[in-house]
Amino acid sequence: MRVNVKLFAGLSEFLPPGSRHNETPVQAAPGTTLGQLIERLNIPPERVHLVLLNGLYVERGERQTTRLADGDAVALWPPVAGG
């Protein structure tokens, strides 16, 4: 299956070669979870703060059990600070 992944801010360093802008398509096996996808991209879990799946927030504790489907859009942000 194919999943579209967008990485924002400092996470963009984990985009594979050939990625355009801040996104890349990723081929994944059926049943792959969000946690497995993050691991596959070699992103340390503590670097991922906000996760959206098709525009909906996914809690940290649900990432290991939330399964992806063909055509899903995943967006990942690191912790941010500012004022």
C-alpha atoms as a PDB file:
ATOM      1  CA  MET A   1       0.000   0.000   0.000  1.00  0.00           C
ATOM      2  CA  ARG A   2       1.066   3.598  -0.488  1.00  0.00           C
ATOM      3  CA  VAL A   3       0.996   6.245   2.270  1.00  0.00           C
ATOM      4  CA  ASN A   4       1.848   9.928   1.801  1.00  0.00           C
ATOM      5  CA  VAL A   5       4.075  11.263   4.605  1.00  0.00           C
ATOM      6  CA  LYS A   6       4.753  14.931   5.381  1.00  0.00           C
ATOM      7  CA  LEU A   7       7.489  15.882   7.839  1.00  0.00           C
ATOM      8  CA  PHE A   8       7.587  19.391   9.265  1.00  0.00           C
ATOM      9  CA  ALA A   9      10.287  21.598  10.799  1.00  0.00           C
ATOM     10  CA  GLY A  10      13.335  19.679  12.081  1.00  0.00           C
ATOM     11  CA  LEU A  11      11.865  16.315  11.121  1.00  0.00           C
ATOM     12  CA  SER A  12      12.479  17.087   7.447  1.00  0.00           C
ATOM     13  CA  GLU A  13      16.047  15.805   7.923  1.00  0.00           C
ATOM     14  CA  PHE A  14      14.530  12.289   7.998  1.00  0.00           C
ATOM     15  CA  LEU A  15      13.003  12.553   4.513  1.00  0.00           C
ATOM     16  CA  PRO A  16      14.474   9.968   2.139  1.00  0.00           C
ATOM     17  CA  PRO A  17      16.454  11.112  -0.915  1.00  0.00           C
ATOM     18  CA  GLY A  18      14.237  12.162  -3.797  1.00  0.00           C
ATOM     19  CA  SER A  19      11.524  13.629  -1.569  1.00  0.00           C
ATOM     20  CA  ARG A  20       9.815  16.740  -2.880  1.00  0.00           C
ATOM     21  CA  HIS A  21       9.372  19.692  -0.554  1.00  0.00           C
ATOM     22  CA  ASN A  22       8.451  18.215   2.831  1.00  0.00           C
ATOM     23  CA  GLU A  23       6.678  15.065   1.676  1.00  0.00           C
ATOM     24  CA  THR A  24       7.309  11.619   0.289  1.00  0.00           C
ATOM     25  CA  PRO A  25       5.253   8.598  -0.706  1.00  0.00           C
ATOM     26  CA  VAL A  26       6.083   5.483   1.310  1.00  0.00           C
ATOM     27  CA  GLN A  27       5.315   1.893   0.328  1.00  0.00           C
ATOM     28  CA  ALA A  28       4.233  -0.092   3.368  1.00  0.00           C
ATOM     29  CA  ALA A  29       2.911  -3.580   3.994  1.00  0.00           C
ATOM     30  CA  PRO A  30      -0.783  -3.948   4.809  1.00  0.00           C
ATOM     31  CA  GLY A  31      -1.316  -3.722   8.573  1.00  0.00           C
ATOM     32  CA  THR A  32       1.601  -1.333   9.160  1.00  0.00           C
ATOM     33  CA  THR A  33       1.021   0.901  12.185  1.00  0.00           C
ATOM     34  CA  LEU A  34       1.906   4.559  12.615  1.00  0.00           C
ATOM     35  CA  GLY A  35       4.605   3.560  15.088  1.00  0.00           C
ATOM     36  CA  GLN A  36       6.145   1.158  12.594  1.00  0.00           C
ATOM     37  CA  LEU A  37       6.092   3.848   9.908  1.00  0.00           C
ATOM     38  CA  ILE A  38       7.880   6.314  12.193  1.00  0.00           C
ATOM     39  CA  GLU A  39      10.439   3.630  13.026  1.00  0.00           C
ATOM     40  CA  ARG A  40      10.932   2.780   9.355  1.00  0.00           C
ATOM     41  CA  LEU A  41      11.738   6.441   8.642  1.00  0.00           C
ATOM     42  CA  ASN A  42      14.408   6.236  11.398  1.00  0.00           C
ATOM     43  CA  ILE A  43      12.771   9.032  13.383  1.00  0.00           C
ATOM     44  CA  PRO A  44      13.406   8.744  17.128  1.00  0.00           C
ATOM     45  CA  PRO A  45       9.932   8.552  18.765  1.00  0.00           C
ATOM     46  CA  GLU A  46      10.832  11.306  21.245  1.00  0.00           C
ATOM     47  CA  ARG A  47      11.342  13.669  18.273  1.00  0.00           C
ATOM     48  CA  VAL A  48       7.709  13.213  17.157  1.00  0.00           C
ATOM     49  CA  HIS A  49       5.244  15.346  19.074  1.00  0.00           C
ATOM     50  CA  LEU A  50       2.192  15.860  16.873  1.00  0.00           C
ATOM     51  CA  VAL A  51       0.813  13.173  14.547  1.00  0.00           C
ATOM     52  CA  LEU A  52      -2.110  13.644  12.192  1.00  0.00           C
ATOM     53  CA  LEU A  53      -3.635  10.783  10.224  1.00  0.00           C
ATOM     54  CA  ASN A  54      -5.874  12.081   7.447  1.00  0.00           C
ATOM     55  CA  GLY A  55      -6.103  15.352   9.366  1.00  0.00           C
ATOM     56  CA  LEU A  56      -7.064  13.780  12.703  1.00  0.00           C
ATOM     57  CA  TYR A  57      -4.825  13.897  15.788  1.00  0.00           C
ATOM     58  CA  VAL A  58      -3.455  10.550  17.007  1.00  0.00           C
ATOM     59  CA  GLU A  59      -2.491  10.320  20.692  1.00  0.00           C
ATOM     60  CA  ARG A  60       1.030   9.113  21.505  1.00  0.00           C
ATOM     61  CA  GLY A  61      -0.344   5.946  23.152  1.00  0.00           C
ATOM     62  CA  GLU A  62      -2.348   5.032  20.036  1.00  0.00           C
ATOM     63  CA  ARG A  63       0.501   5.224  17.505  1.00  0.00           C
ATOM     64  CA  GLN A  64       1.632   1.627  17.982  1.00  0.00           C
ATOM     65  CA  THR A  65      -1.852   0.225  17.364  1.00  0.00           C
ATOM     66  CA  THR A  66      -3.266   2.615  14.735  1.00  0.00           C
ATOM     67  CA  ARG A  67      -3.074   0.778  11.420  1.00  0.00           C
ATOM     68  CA  LEU A  68      -2.558   2.567   8.129  1.00  0.00           C
ATOM     69  CA  ALA A  69      -4.582   2.064   4.953  1.00  0.00           C
ATOM     70  CA  ASP A  70      -3.733   2.609   1.312  1.00  0.00           C
ATOM     71  CA  GLY A  71      -3.880   6.310   0.445  1.00  0.00           C
ATOM     72  CA  ASP A  72      -3.593   7.577   4.025  1.00  0.00           C
ATOM     73  CA  ALA A  73      -1.942  10.950   4.657  1.00  0.00           C
ATOM     74  CA  VAL A  74       0.382  11.144   7.667  1.00  0.00           C
ATOM     75  CA  ALA A  75       1.788  14.440   8.974  1.00  0.00           C
ATOM     76  CA  LEU A  76       4.441  14.590  11.699  1.00  0.00           C
ATOM     77  CA  TRP A  77       5.723  17.585  13.718  1.00  0.00           C
ATOM     78  CA  PRO A  78       8.464  17.822  16.329  1.00  0.00           C
ATOM     79  CA  PRO A  79       7.910  19.617  19.640  1.00  0.00           C
ATOM     80  CA  VAL A  80       7.788  23.362  19.041  1.00  0.00           C
ATOM     81  CA  ALA A  81       8.205  26.325  21.331  1.00  0.00           C
ATOM     82  CA  GLY A  82       7.754  29.992  20.935  1.00  0.00           C
ATOM     83  CA  GLY A  83       5.896  32.946  22.158  1.00  0.00           C
END
